[in-house]
Amino acid sequence: MYSPTPLPVARARVTPSSDAEPGGLESSLLQLVHDHHQSSLRLRELTEKKKKEAIRNAARVSDLLVEAVNGGVQEFFVNEKCIELEIRALAATITRFMKQTDQWLAATHAINTAVKEIGDFENWMKTMEFDCKSVVAAIHNIHQE
C-alpha cells in the first residue's frame, strides 16, 4: 500500500548578524536560495517518482478491474452459448414431438372413423334383419290366410 514519506524541509544556514563578515548576508541568502533550489529539485524528483508510481498502480488496478469484468463477461458468453445450444436442441425435440403427435391424432381419427363405420354397418344390419323379419312375418301372414 501507500506509505507517505516525509518531504524534505529546506533549512537555511543563517549566521548571526554580530558575526557577520563582509558579504556574509549575501552568502547566507545565496546559500538559502541554493538550499531552496536543492530541496525543490528533490521535491520535484520525489513528486515525479510518486507520480510514476501512482500511474503504475492505477494501471495495475485498471488491469485488474478489466480482468475481473472480462472474466465475468466471458463466463456469461460461454453460458449464453450453452443455453442457445440447449434451446436449439429443445426446439428440434419439440418439432419432432409435434409431428409425432399429429401422426397419432391422424391415426386416432382414422380409427374413430372406422369404428363409426362399423357401428353404422351394425345398425344397418340390425335394420335389415328387422326389415327381413317384418317381410317374412308379412309373407307368413299372407300365406296363412
N, C-alpha and C. Protein backbone atom coordinates (compact mmCIF):
# COMPACT_ATOMS: atom_id res chain seq x y z
N MET A 1 0.84 -1.18 0.00
CA MET A 1 0.00 0.00 0.00
C MET A 1 0.88 1.24 0.00
N TYR A 2 0.23 2.35 0.08
CA TYR A 2 0.91 3.63 0.04
C TYR A 2 1.38 4.01 1.43
N SER A 3 2.66 4.35 1.52
CA SER A 3 3.18 4.84 2.81
C SER A 3 3.82 6.19 2.55
N PRO A 4 3.27 7.24 3.14
CA PRO A 4 3.79 8.58 2.86
C PRO A 4 5.21 8.73 3.42
N THR A 5 6.03 9.36 2.62
CA THR A 5 7.39 9.65 3.09
C THR A 5 7.45 11.14 3.40
N PRO A 6 8.11 11.48 4.46
CA PRO A 6 8.17 12.90 4.83
C PRO A 6 8.92 13.70 3.76
N LEU A 7 8.38 14.85 3.45
CA LEU A 7 9.02 15.71 2.46
C LEU A 7 10.20 16.43 3.11
N PRO A 8 11.25 16.61 2.31
CA PRO A 8 12.41 17.33 2.87
C PRO A 8 12.07 18.79 3.12
N VAL A 9 12.56 19.28 4.18
CA VAL A 9 12.32 20.68 4.55
C VAL A 9 13.62 21.47 4.31
N ALA A 10 13.47 22.61 3.65
CA ALA A 10 14.64 23.43 3.38
C ALA A 10 15.09 24.12 4.66
N ARG A 11 16.31 24.02 4.94
CA ARG A 11 16.86 24.66 6.15
C ARG A 11 17.93 25.66 5.70
N ALA A 12 17.80 26.80 6.17
CA ALA A 12 18.76 27.84 5.81
C ALA A 12 19.81 27.98 6.92
N ARG A 13 20.97 28.18 6.45
CA ARG A 13 22.03 28.42 7.42
C ARG A 13 22.24 29.93 7.50
N VAL A 14 21.83 30.47 8.58
CA VAL A 14 21.95 31.93 8.76
C VAL A 14 22.91 32.17 9.92
N THR A 15 23.83 33.01 9.66
CA THR A 15 24.78 33.33 10.72
C THR A 15 24.28 34.57 11.46
N PRO A 16 24.52 34.62 12.72
CA PRO A 16 24.06 35.80 13.47
C PRO A 16 24.71 37.07 12.90
N SER A 17 23.97 38.15 12.96
CA SER A 17 24.43 39.40 12.37
C SER A 17 25.66 39.97 13.09
N SER A 18 25.86 39.62 14.34
CA SER A 18 27.03 40.14 15.05
C SER A 18 28.30 39.50 14.52
N ASP A 19 28.20 38.22 14.02
CA ASP A 19 29.37 37.54 13.48
C ASP A 19 29.48 37.75 11.98
N ALA A 20 28.70 38.62 11.45
CA ALA A 20 28.63 38.76 10.01
C ALA A 20 29.94 39.26 9.45
N GLU A 21 30.32 38.65 8.40
CA GLU A 21 31.51 39.05 7.67
C GLU A 21 31.04 39.92 6.53
N PRO A 22 31.95 40.56 5.92
CA PRO A 22 31.53 41.32 4.74
C PRO A 22 31.03 40.33 3.70
N GLY A 23 29.85 40.56 3.21
CA GLY A 23 29.23 39.68 2.21
C GLY A 23 28.61 38.46 2.86
N GLY A 24 28.58 38.38 4.20
CA GLY A 24 28.01 37.23 4.90
C GLY A 24 26.52 37.12 4.68
N LEU A 25 25.85 38.25 4.63
CA LEU A 25 24.40 38.24 4.39
C LEU A 25 24.12 37.77 2.98
N GLU A 26 24.93 38.22 2.07
CA GLU A 26 24.74 37.81 0.67
C GLU A 26 25.00 36.32 0.50
N SER A 27 26.08 35.84 1.14
CA SER A 27 26.37 34.40 1.02
C SER A 27 25.29 33.58 1.72
N SER A 28 24.75 34.10 2.83
CA SER A 28 23.65 33.40 3.51
C SER A 28 22.43 33.34 2.60
N LEU A 29 22.13 34.46 1.95
CA LEU A 29 20.99 34.48 1.02
C LEU A 29 21.25 33.54 -0.15
N LEU A 30 22.48 33.54 -0.66
CA LEU A 30 22.82 32.62 -1.76
C LEU A 30 22.70 31.18 -1.31
N GLN A 31 23.18 30.93 -0.08
CA GLN A 31 23.07 29.58 0.47
C GLN A 31 21.60 29.19 0.64
N LEU A 32 20.80 30.14 1.11
CA LEU A 32 19.36 29.90 1.28
C LEU A 32 18.70 29.61 -0.05
N VAL A 33 19.03 30.37 -1.08
CA VAL A 33 18.48 30.14 -2.42
C VAL A 33 18.95 28.79 -2.94
N HIS A 34 20.25 28.50 -2.74
CA HIS A 34 20.79 27.22 -3.19
C HIS A 34 20.09 26.06 -2.48
N ASP A 35 19.93 26.17 -1.15
CA ASP A 35 19.24 25.11 -0.40
C ASP A 35 17.79 24.97 -0.88
N HIS A 36 17.15 26.11 -1.10
CA HIS A 36 15.77 26.07 -1.59
C HIS A 36 15.72 25.38 -2.96
N HIS A 37 16.65 25.73 -3.81
CA HIS A 37 16.71 25.12 -5.15
C HIS A 37 16.94 23.61 -5.03
N GLN A 38 17.85 23.21 -4.17
CA GLN A 38 18.13 21.78 -3.99
C GLN A 38 16.90 21.04 -3.44
N SER A 39 16.25 21.64 -2.46
CA SER A 39 15.06 20.98 -1.90
C SER A 39 13.94 20.95 -2.93
N SER A 40 13.83 21.97 -3.76
CA SER A 40 12.82 21.98 -4.84
C SER A 40 13.11 20.87 -5.83
N LEU A 41 14.39 20.70 -6.17
CA LEU A 41 14.76 19.62 -7.09
C LEU A 41 14.43 18.26 -6.50
N ARG A 42 14.79 18.07 -5.21
CA ARG A 42 14.49 16.80 -4.55
C ARG A 42 12.98 16.58 -4.50
N LEU A 43 12.27 17.64 -4.16
CA LEU A 43 10.80 17.54 -4.09
C LEU A 43 10.22 17.22 -5.47
N ARG A 44 10.74 17.86 -6.50
CA ARG A 44 10.29 17.60 -7.87
C ARG A 44 10.59 16.15 -8.27
N GLU A 45 11.79 15.67 -7.94
CA GLU A 45 12.15 14.29 -8.25
C GLU A 45 11.25 13.31 -7.49
N LEU A 46 11.05 13.61 -6.21
CA LEU A 46 10.18 12.77 -5.40
C LEU A 46 8.75 12.79 -5.94
N THR A 47 8.27 13.96 -6.33
CA THR A 47 6.92 14.09 -6.89
C THR A 47 6.81 13.30 -8.19
N GLU A 48 7.84 13.42 -9.03
CA GLU A 48 7.84 12.69 -10.30
C GLU A 48 7.87 11.18 -10.05
N LYS A 49 8.68 10.78 -9.08
CA LYS A 49 8.76 9.36 -8.73
C LYS A 49 7.41 8.86 -8.22
N LYS A 50 6.79 9.62 -7.34
CA LYS A 50 5.49 9.24 -6.79
C LYS A 50 4.41 9.26 -7.89
N LYS A 51 4.53 10.20 -8.81
CA LYS A 51 3.57 10.28 -9.92
C LYS A 51 3.67 9.02 -10.79
N LYS A 52 4.92 8.63 -11.12
CA LYS A 52 5.12 7.42 -11.92
C LYS A 52 4.61 6.19 -11.18
N GLU A 53 4.88 6.15 -9.87
CA GLU A 53 4.41 5.02 -9.06
C GLU A 53 2.87 5.00 -9.03
N ALA A 54 2.25 6.16 -8.89
CA ALA A 54 0.79 6.24 -8.88
C ALA A 54 0.21 5.81 -10.22
N ILE A 55 0.87 6.20 -11.32
CA ILE A 55 0.41 5.80 -12.66
C ILE A 55 0.53 4.29 -12.82
N ARG A 56 1.65 3.72 -12.36
CA ARG A 56 1.81 2.25 -12.42
C ARG A 56 0.74 1.55 -11.60
N ASN A 57 0.49 2.06 -10.39
CA ASN A 57 -0.53 1.45 -9.54
C ASN A 57 -1.93 1.59 -10.15
N ALA A 58 -2.21 2.76 -10.73
CA ALA A 58 -3.51 2.96 -11.37
C ALA A 58 -3.67 2.03 -12.57
N ALA A 59 -2.59 1.86 -13.33
CA ALA A 59 -2.64 0.94 -14.48
C ALA A 59 -2.87 -0.49 -14.00
N ARG A 60 -2.22 -0.86 -12.92
CA ARG A 60 -2.38 -2.22 -12.37
C ARG A 60 -3.82 -2.42 -11.88
N VAL A 61 -4.35 -1.43 -11.17
CA VAL A 61 -5.74 -1.51 -10.70
C VAL A 61 -6.68 -1.60 -11.89
N SER A 62 -6.42 -0.78 -12.90
CA SER A 62 -7.25 -0.80 -14.10
C SER A 62 -7.20 -2.17 -14.77
N ASP A 63 -6.00 -2.73 -14.89
CA ASP A 63 -5.85 -4.06 -15.49
C ASP A 63 -6.61 -5.12 -14.68
N LEU A 64 -6.50 -5.04 -13.36
CA LEU A 64 -7.21 -6.00 -12.51
C LEU A 64 -8.72 -5.87 -12.64
N LEU A 65 -9.19 -4.63 -12.71
CA LEU A 65 -10.64 -4.40 -12.86
C LEU A 65 -11.12 -4.92 -14.21
N VAL A 66 -10.38 -4.62 -15.26
CA VAL A 66 -10.76 -5.10 -16.59
C VAL A 66 -10.74 -6.62 -16.63
N GLU A 67 -9.72 -7.20 -16.01
CA GLU A 67 -9.62 -8.66 -15.97
C GLU A 67 -10.81 -9.27 -15.22
N ALA A 68 -11.17 -8.65 -14.11
CA ALA A 68 -12.31 -9.16 -13.31
C ALA A 68 -13.61 -9.04 -14.10
N VAL A 69 -13.81 -7.90 -14.75
CA VAL A 69 -15.05 -7.69 -15.52
C VAL A 69 -15.06 -8.62 -16.73
N ASN A 70 -13.94 -8.70 -17.44
CA ASN A 70 -13.89 -9.56 -18.63
C ASN A 70 -14.08 -11.02 -18.28
N GLY A 71 -13.56 -11.44 -17.14
CA GLY A 71 -13.74 -12.83 -16.72
C GLY A 71 -15.21 -13.14 -16.55
N GLY A 72 -15.95 -12.25 -15.92
CA GLY A 72 -17.39 -12.43 -15.75
C GLY A 72 -18.12 -12.40 -17.07
N VAL A 73 -17.75 -11.47 -17.93
CA VAL A 73 -18.39 -11.35 -19.23
C VAL A 73 -18.12 -12.59 -20.06
N GLN A 74 -16.90 -13.07 -20.02
CA GLN A 74 -16.55 -14.27 -20.78
C GLN A 74 -17.37 -15.46 -20.29
N GLU A 75 -17.52 -15.56 -18.98
CA GLU A 75 -18.32 -16.66 -18.41
C GLU A 75 -19.78 -16.54 -18.88
N PHE A 76 -20.30 -15.31 -18.92
CA PHE A 76 -21.67 -15.12 -19.39
C PHE A 76 -21.81 -15.53 -20.85
N PHE A 77 -20.82 -15.20 -21.68
CA PHE A 77 -20.89 -15.57 -23.09
C PHE A 77 -20.87 -17.08 -23.26
N VAL A 78 -20.03 -17.76 -22.49
CA VAL A 78 -19.98 -19.22 -22.56
C VAL A 78 -21.32 -19.80 -22.14
N ASN A 79 -21.87 -19.29 -21.04
CA ASN A 79 -23.18 -19.77 -20.58
C ASN A 79 -24.26 -19.48 -21.61
N GLU A 80 -24.21 -18.31 -22.23
CA GLU A 80 -25.20 -17.95 -23.24
C GLU A 80 -25.14 -18.91 -24.43
N LYS A 81 -23.93 -19.27 -24.87
CA LYS A 81 -23.79 -20.20 -25.99
C LYS A 81 -24.35 -21.57 -25.62
N CYS A 82 -24.07 -22.02 -24.38
CA CYS A 82 -24.61 -23.31 -23.93
C CYS A 82 -26.13 -23.27 -23.91
N ILE A 83 -26.69 -22.18 -23.42
CA ILE A 83 -28.15 -22.05 -23.36
C ILE A 83 -28.73 -22.03 -24.77
N GLU A 84 -28.08 -21.33 -25.69
CA GLU A 84 -28.58 -21.30 -27.07
C GLU A 84 -28.56 -22.70 -27.69
N LEU A 85 -27.50 -23.47 -27.43
CA LEU A 85 -27.44 -24.84 -27.95
C LEU A 85 -28.56 -25.68 -27.35
N GLU A 86 -28.82 -25.53 -26.07
CA GLU A 86 -29.90 -26.27 -25.42
C GLU A 86 -31.26 -25.86 -25.99
N ILE A 87 -31.43 -24.58 -26.26
CA ILE A 87 -32.69 -24.10 -26.84
C ILE A 87 -32.91 -24.70 -28.22
N ARG A 88 -31.84 -24.73 -29.02
CA ARG A 88 -31.97 -25.32 -30.37
C ARG A 88 -32.33 -26.80 -30.28
N ALA A 89 -31.67 -27.51 -29.37
CA ALA A 89 -31.96 -28.95 -29.21
C ALA A 89 -33.39 -29.14 -28.73
N LEU A 90 -33.83 -28.30 -27.81
CA LEU A 90 -35.20 -28.39 -27.30
C LEU A 90 -36.20 -28.07 -28.39
N ALA A 91 -35.91 -27.08 -29.23
CA ALA A 91 -36.81 -26.73 -30.34
C ALA A 91 -36.92 -27.90 -31.32
N ALA A 92 -35.80 -28.55 -31.61
CA ALA A 92 -35.83 -29.71 -32.51
C ALA A 92 -36.65 -30.85 -31.91
N THR A 93 -36.49 -31.08 -30.62
CA THR A 93 -37.26 -32.13 -29.94
C THR A 93 -38.75 -31.80 -29.97
N ILE A 94 -39.08 -30.55 -29.72
CA ILE A 94 -40.49 -30.12 -29.73
C ILE A 94 -41.07 -30.32 -31.12
N THR A 95 -40.33 -29.97 -32.16
CA THR A 95 -40.80 -30.15 -33.53
C THR A 95 -41.05 -31.63 -33.82
N ARG A 96 -40.12 -32.46 -33.40
CA ARG A 96 -40.28 -33.90 -33.61
C ARG A 96 -41.51 -34.42 -32.87
N PHE A 97 -41.72 -33.99 -31.63
CA PHE A 97 -42.89 -34.42 -30.87
C PHE A 97 -44.19 -33.91 -31.49
N MET A 98 -44.15 -32.70 -32.04
CA MET A 98 -45.35 -32.16 -32.69
C MET A 98 -45.73 -33.01 -33.91
N LYS A 99 -44.72 -33.38 -34.71
CA LYS A 99 -45.00 -34.23 -35.88
C LYS A 99 -45.56 -35.59 -35.43
N GLN A 100 -44.96 -36.16 -34.40
CA GLN A 100 -45.41 -37.46 -33.89
C GLN A 100 -46.84 -37.34 -33.35
N THR A 101 -47.13 -36.27 -32.65
CA THR A 101 -48.48 -36.05 -32.11
C THR A 101 -49.49 -35.91 -33.25
N ASP A 102 -49.11 -35.18 -34.30
CA ASP A 102 -50.01 -35.04 -35.46
C ASP A 102 -50.28 -36.40 -36.09
N GLN A 103 -49.24 -37.24 -36.18
CA GLN A 103 -49.43 -38.58 -36.74
C GLN A 103 -50.37 -39.41 -35.86
N TRP A 104 -50.19 -39.30 -34.54
CA TRP A 104 -51.06 -40.04 -33.62
C TRP A 104 -52.50 -39.55 -33.74
N LEU A 105 -52.67 -38.24 -33.85
CA LEU A 105 -54.02 -37.68 -33.99
C LEU A 105 -54.67 -38.18 -35.28
N ALA A 106 -53.92 -38.21 -36.37
CA ALA A 106 -54.46 -38.70 -37.64
C ALA A 106 -54.84 -40.17 -37.53
N ALA A 107 -53.97 -40.97 -36.89
CA ALA A 107 -54.26 -42.40 -36.72
C ALA A 107 -55.50 -42.59 -35.85
N THR A 108 -55.62 -41.83 -34.77
CA THR A 108 -56.80 -41.97 -33.90
C THR A 108 -58.06 -41.54 -34.62
N HIS A 109 -57.96 -40.50 -35.40
CA HIS A 109 -59.13 -40.05 -36.18
C HIS A 109 -59.55 -41.15 -37.16
N ALA A 110 -58.58 -41.79 -37.81
CA ALA A 110 -58.89 -42.87 -38.75
C ALA A 110 -59.56 -44.05 -38.02
N ILE A 111 -59.03 -44.38 -36.84
CA ILE A 111 -59.62 -45.47 -36.06
C ILE A 111 -61.05 -45.11 -35.64
N ASN A 112 -61.26 -43.88 -35.19
CA ASN A 112 -62.60 -43.43 -34.79
C ASN A 112 -63.58 -43.51 -35.97
N THR A 113 -63.10 -43.08 -37.13
CA THR A 113 -63.96 -43.14 -38.32
C THR A 113 -64.31 -44.59 -38.64
N ALA A 114 -63.32 -45.49 -38.56
CA ALA A 114 -63.57 -46.91 -38.84
C ALA A 114 -64.56 -47.49 -37.84
N VAL A 115 -64.41 -47.14 -36.56
CA VAL A 115 -65.32 -47.64 -35.53
C VAL A 115 -66.73 -47.12 -35.79
N LYS A 116 -66.84 -45.86 -36.19
CA LYS A 116 -68.16 -45.30 -36.51
C LYS A 116 -68.79 -46.05 -37.69
N GLU A 117 -67.94 -46.32 -38.68
CA GLU A 117 -68.46 -47.04 -39.84
C GLU A 117 -68.91 -48.44 -39.45
N ILE A 118 -68.16 -49.11 -38.57
CA ILE A 118 -68.56 -50.43 -38.09
C ILE A 118 -69.88 -50.32 -37.35
N GLY A 119 -69.99 -49.29 -36.50
CA GLY A 119 -71.25 -49.07 -35.77
C GLY A 119 -72.39 -48.81 -36.72
N ASP A 120 -72.15 -48.01 -37.76
CA ASP A 120 -73.18 -47.73 -38.76
C ASP A 120 -73.57 -49.00 -39.49
N PHE A 121 -72.59 -49.83 -39.85
CA PHE A 121 -72.85 -51.09 -40.55
C PHE A 121 -73.67 -52.02 -39.66
N GLU A 122 -73.32 -52.07 -38.38
CA GLU A 122 -74.05 -52.93 -37.43
C GLU A 122 -75.51 -52.46 -37.34
N ASN A 123 -75.70 -51.15 -37.24
CA ASN A 123 -77.07 -50.63 -37.19
C ASN A 123 -77.82 -50.95 -38.48
N TRP A 124 -77.14 -50.84 -39.62
CA TRP A 124 -77.76 -51.15 -40.91
C TRP A 124 -78.15 -52.62 -40.95
N MET A 125 -77.23 -53.47 -40.42
CA MET A 125 -77.52 -54.91 -40.40
C MET A 125 -78.73 -55.20 -39.51
N LYS A 126 -78.81 -54.56 -38.36
CA LYS A 126 -79.95 -54.75 -37.48
C LYS A 126 -81.24 -54.28 -38.15
N THR A 127 -81.14 -53.14 -38.83
CA THR A 127 -82.32 -52.64 -39.54
C THR A 127 -82.74 -53.61 -40.64
N MET A 128 -81.73 -54.12 -41.37
CA MET A 128 -82.03 -55.07 -42.44
C MET A 128 -82.65 -56.36 -41.86
N GLU A 129 -82.11 -56.80 -40.74
CA GLU A 129 -82.63 -58.00 -40.10
C GLU A 129 -84.08 -57.78 -39.67
N PHE A 130 -84.33 -56.62 -39.06
CA PHE A 130 -85.69 -56.30 -38.63
C PHE A 130 -86.63 -56.22 -39.84
N ASP A 131 -86.14 -55.56 -40.91
CA ASP A 131 -86.97 -55.46 -42.12
C ASP A 131 -87.24 -56.84 -42.71
N CYS A 132 -86.20 -57.69 -42.72
CA CYS A 132 -86.37 -59.04 -43.26
C CYS A 132 -87.37 -59.82 -42.42
N LYS A 133 -87.28 -59.69 -41.11
CA LYS A 133 -88.23 -60.38 -40.24
C LYS A 133 -89.65 -59.86 -40.47
N SER A 134 -89.74 -58.54 -40.69
CA SER A 134 -91.07 -57.96 -40.94
C SER A 134 -91.63 -58.50 -42.24
N VAL A 135 -90.76 -58.60 -43.30
CA VAL A 135 -91.22 -59.12 -44.61
C VAL A 135 -91.60 -60.59 -44.46
N VAL A 136 -90.77 -61.37 -43.74
CA VAL A 136 -91.06 -62.79 -43.54
C VAL A 136 -92.37 -62.93 -42.77
N ALA A 137 -92.60 -62.12 -41.76
CA ALA A 137 -93.82 -62.19 -40.98
C ALA A 137 -95.01 -61.83 -41.86
N ALA A 138 -94.85 -60.83 -42.73
CA ALA A 138 -95.95 -60.44 -43.61
C ALA A 138 -96.24 -61.55 -44.59
N ILE A 139 -95.20 -62.16 -45.17
CA ILE A 139 -95.39 -63.25 -46.12
C ILE A 139 -96.03 -64.43 -45.40
N HIS A 140 -95.60 -64.70 -44.21
CA HIS A 140 -96.16 -65.80 -43.44
C HIS A 140 -97.65 -65.54 -43.14
N ASN A 141 -97.97 -64.31 -42.81
CA ASN A 141 -99.38 -63.96 -42.53
C ASN A 141 -100.20 -64.09 -43.82
N ILE A 142 -99.64 -63.68 -44.93
CA ILE A 142 -100.37 -63.78 -46.21
C ILE A 142 -100.52 -65.25 -46.56
N HIS A 143 -99.55 -66.01 -46.36
CA HIS A 143 -99.59 -67.43 -46.73
C HIS A 143 -100.58 -68.19 -45.82
N GLN A 144 -100.75 -67.79 -44.62
CA GLN A 144 -101.67 -68.46 -43.71
C GLN A 144 -103.10 -68.02 -44.00
N GLU A 145 -103.37 -67.07 -44.57
CA GLU A 145 -104.74 -66.64 -44.82
C GLU A 145 -105.31 -67.35 -45.92
